[in-house]
Structures are given as structure tokens and as C-alpha cells.
């Protein structure tokens, strides 16, 4: 009986030993990164859209009024010191549109979403988003909103190389 168990264990070990190299050999290769559109990579002039998403009365009191998100994001992008902010989309290399959205899968999960558009074709080139952490106090809500907008600005600086 003991001899049979040892043989079974040895047989299982040998079988596992045969499958491990096959499993290791069949691992997929790393997925190559897709290219960033050239309009984004070479952007110097930016137009920022004041989107309607920040007109929500529940949010506007935490961000300095109905233009608060626009004003904060505009200031954050300007402080990067890497772009000329223009007053007309026709003068821009790309258009930034930032909105506050609620994630549909998990109701009540707010996030800032940035759309980067080509002003010549109005084609969406890129999107990115940053979650807004929940808060119980108004002071914490303001801090979390500012932190998320700053996160979007950081994402932009990582996407668009400084020349």
C-alpha cells in the first residue's frame, strides 16, 4: 500500500513536471504600447472648454461656483508652463474638455474626465480620468476635488513630453 502511494505521488510529480515547462513556454508576449496621436505629442496651443458638467449645484459649492472646475483646471494647466492657452478652438493644436461625471457601473462614484479633441476634425483623440474621493466635510471635498484636478494635470504632463 505504501509502495503504491509513493508510485502515485511520483507519477503525479512527474506529470506536473512535464506540464510546467509547457505552461511557461506558452505565456503571451507583452502587448506593445499603442502610439499617442501626433496632434497631442506636438501640442503647444491649448483651448480649454468650459463644459456644463460643473454647473451641478451639489458640486459647485465645493469648487468656487459654477465655473469653479473650469477655473481650477485652467489655472492648473497654465501653471504647467508648457502650453499657450488660447481663447478660440481654431487657434489651438488640441482642445481639452474636462467634465465631472458619475461612473455608471458604481452609482455615486464621481470622477473627472478629460477629453482631448482635434479642433480641426472634432475627433476625440484621447481620454483620461481621475476619481474624486468621497468626503464627509466640505473642506475635505474641496481638497479632494483639487487633488483630482491636479491628478489630471499630472496625467497630461506624463502624456505630452516637454521639449
Protein backbone atom coordinates (compact mmCIF):
# COMPACT_ATOMS: atom_id res chain seq x y z
CA UNK A 1 0.00 0.00 0.00
CA UNK A 2 2.80 2.40 0.93
CA UNK A 3 4.66 1.46 -2.24
CA UNK A 4 1.54 2.19 -4.34
CA UNK A 5 1.11 5.68 -2.74
CA UNK A 6 4.78 6.50 -3.41
CA UNK A 7 4.39 5.45 -7.04
CA UNK A 8 1.20 7.52 -7.41
CA UNK A 9 2.91 10.56 -5.87
CA UNK A 10 5.96 10.12 -8.08
CA UNK A 11 3.73 9.75 -11.14
CA UNK A 12 1.79 12.91 -10.30
CA UNK A 13 5.03 14.82 -9.67
CA UNK A 14 6.41 13.66 -13.00
CA UNK A 15 3.21 14.64 -14.80
CA UNK A 16 3.24 18.10 -13.20
CA UNK A 17 6.90 18.45 -14.11
CA UNK A 18 6.02 17.79 -17.74
CA UNK A 19 3.25 20.43 -17.82
CA UNK A 20 5.08 23.30 -16.12
CA UNK A 21 7.57 23.94 -18.94
CA UNK A 22 4.74 23.86 -21.47
CA UNK A 23 2.71 26.40 -19.45
CA UNK A 24 5.72 28.67 -19.05
CA UNK A 25 6.57 28.45 -22.73
CA UNK A 26 3.03 29.46 -23.74
CA UNK A 27 2.89 32.76 -21.81
CA UNK A 28 1.79 35.58 -24.09
CA UNK A 29 4.29 38.21 -25.14
CA UNK A 30 3.93 41.69 -23.66
CA UNK A 31 1.41 43.83 -25.53
CA UNK A 32 3.16 46.70 -27.31
CA UNK A 33 2.07 50.24 -26.45
CA UNK A 34 -0.14 51.99 -28.94
CA UNK A 35 1.00 55.34 -30.30
CA UNK A 36 -0.09 58.68 -28.87
CA UNK A 37 -1.65 60.77 -31.69
CA UNK A 38 0.82 63.26 -33.16
CA UNK A 39 -1.57 66.18 -32.56
CA UNK A 40 -1.21 65.51 -28.81
CA UNK A 41 2.55 64.92 -28.87
CA UNK A 42 3.22 68.20 -30.70
CA UNK A 43 0.59 70.33 -28.96
CA UNK A 44 1.76 73.81 -27.99
CA UNK A 45 -1.52 75.74 -28.04
CA UNK A 46 -4.45 74.50 -25.95
CA UNK A 47 -8.06 75.61 -25.81
CA UNK A 48 -9.91 74.57 -22.64
CA UNK A 49 -13.68 74.11 -22.88
CA UNK A 50 -15.89 75.27 -20.02
CA UNK A 51 -18.13 72.19 -20.11
CA UNK A 52 -21.54 72.10 -18.49
CA UNK A 53 -20.68 69.28 -16.08
CA UNK A 54 -19.55 71.69 -13.37
CA UNK A 55 -22.90 73.53 -13.21
CA UNK A 56 -24.32 70.96 -10.79
CA UNK A 57 -25.42 72.90 -7.69
CA UNK A 58 -24.41 69.99 -5.43
CA UNK A 59 -20.82 70.29 -6.65
CA UNK A 60 -20.46 73.98 -7.48
CA UNK A 61 -20.48 74.97 -3.81
CA UNK A 62 -17.28 72.95 -3.30
CA UNK A 63 -15.39 74.31 -6.30
CA UNK A 64 -15.95 78.06 -6.16
CA UNK A 65 -19.18 78.40 -8.10
CA UNK A 66 -20.49 77.28 -11.47
CA UNK A 67 -17.16 77.96 -13.24
CA UNK A 68 -15.04 76.53 -10.44
CA UNK A 69 -13.90 73.34 -12.16
CA UNK A 70 -13.04 75.24 -15.33
CA UNK A 71 -11.20 77.94 -13.39
CA UNK A 72 -9.20 75.44 -11.33
CA UNK A 73 -8.30 73.24 -14.29
CA UNK A 74 -7.37 76.28 -16.40
CA UNK A 75 -5.07 77.50 -13.62
CA UNK A 76 -3.53 74.03 -13.18
CA UNK A 77 -2.76 73.68 -16.91
CA UNK A 78 -1.42 77.25 -17.06
CA UNK A 79 0.86 76.54 -14.08
CA UNK A 80 2.45 73.67 -16.01
CA UNK A 81 4.13 76.40 -18.07
CA UNK A 82 4.24 74.15 -21.11
CA UNK A 83 1.34 75.39 -23.21
CA UNK A 84 -0.02 78.60 -24.60
CA UNK A 85 -3.68 78.76 -23.60
CA UNK A 86 -5.72 80.28 -26.43
CA UNK A 87 -9.19 81.81 -26.42
CA UNK A 88 -10.53 80.12 -29.57
CA UNK A 89 -10.57 76.47 -30.62
CA UNK A 90 -9.48 77.41 -34.15
CA UNK A 91 -6.20 78.74 -32.72
CA UNK A 92 -5.45 75.55 -30.77
CA UNK A 93 -3.49 72.42 -31.59
CA UNK A 94 -5.79 70.40 -29.30
CA UNK A 95 -8.88 71.07 -27.20
CA UNK A 96 -9.21 69.95 -23.58
CA UNK A 97 -12.71 69.33 -22.26
CA UNK A 98 -12.94 68.43 -18.59
CA UNK A 99 -16.19 67.31 -17.01
CA UNK A 100 -17.30 65.83 -13.75
CA UNK A 101 -19.09 62.55 -14.38
CA UNK A 102 -20.59 59.83 -12.26
CA UNK A 103 -19.35 56.35 -13.09
CA UNK A 104 -22.38 54.40 -14.37
CA UNK A 105 -21.35 50.98 -13.04
CA UNK A 106 -20.97 52.17 -9.44
CA UNK A 107 -23.61 54.89 -8.88
CA UNK A 108 -22.37 57.89 -6.96
CA UNK A 109 -18.71 57.33 -7.91
CA UNK A 110 -17.64 60.75 -9.27
CA UNK A 111 -14.62 61.29 -11.48
CA UNK A 112 -13.16 63.99 -13.63
CA UNK A 113 -12.93 63.03 -17.25
CA UNK A 114 -10.68 64.82 -19.72
CA UNK A 115 -11.37 64.56 -23.43
CA UNK A 116 -8.63 65.66 -25.80
CA UNK A 117 -10.07 66.65 -29.17
CA UNK A 118 -8.64 67.66 -32.53
CA UNK A 119 -10.17 71.11 -33.22
CA UNK A 120 -9.83 70.73 -36.98
CA UNK A 121 -11.81 67.49 -37.22
CA UNK A 122 -13.58 67.41 -33.83
CA UNK A 123 -12.31 63.83 -33.47
CA UNK A 124 -11.74 62.50 -29.98
CA UNK A 125 -8.02 61.74 -29.72
CA UNK A 126 -7.61 60.66 -26.10
CA UNK A 127 -9.40 60.38 -22.78
CA UNK A 128 -8.21 60.18 -19.22
CA UNK A 129 -9.93 60.35 -15.88
CA UNK A 130 -9.24 60.78 -12.19
CA UNK A 131 -11.56 59.65 -9.40
CA UNK A 132 -12.77 62.07 -6.75
CA UNK A 133 -12.53 60.58 -3.28
CA UNK A 134 -15.67 60.84 -1.18
CA UNK A 135 -15.79 63.25 1.73
CA UNK A 136 -17.99 63.99 4.72
CA UNK A 137 -16.83 67.58 5.24
CA UNK A 138 -16.91 70.48 2.75
CA UNK A 139 -13.25 71.23 3.42
CA UNK A 140 -12.29 67.65 2.57
CA UNK A 141 -14.49 67.69 -0.54
CA UNK A 142 -12.74 70.84 -1.80
CA UNK A 143 -9.34 69.24 -1.12
CA UNK A 144 -10.32 66.00 -2.90
CA UNK A 145 -11.66 67.87 -5.94
CA UNK A 146 -8.48 69.97 -6.21
CA UNK A 147 -6.37 66.81 -5.81
CA UNK A 148 -8.24 65.04 -8.64
CA UNK A 149 -7.93 68.01 -11.00
CA UNK A 150 -4.21 68.22 -10.19
CA UNK A 151 -4.03 64.49 -11.00
CA UNK A 152 -5.44 65.17 -14.47
CA UNK A 153 -2.83 67.88 -14.98
CA UNK A 154 -0.13 65.42 -13.93
CA UNK A 155 -1.54 62.86 -16.39
CA UNK A 156 -1.29 65.48 -19.16
CA UNK A 157 2.34 66.22 -18.32
CA UNK A 158 3.15 62.49 -18.49
CA UNK A 159 1.36 62.06 -21.83
CA UNK A 160 2.78 65.11 -23.59
CA UNK A 161 6.57 65.26 -23.41
CA UNK A 162 8.26 68.52 -22.52
CA UNK A 163 10.51 69.75 -25.31
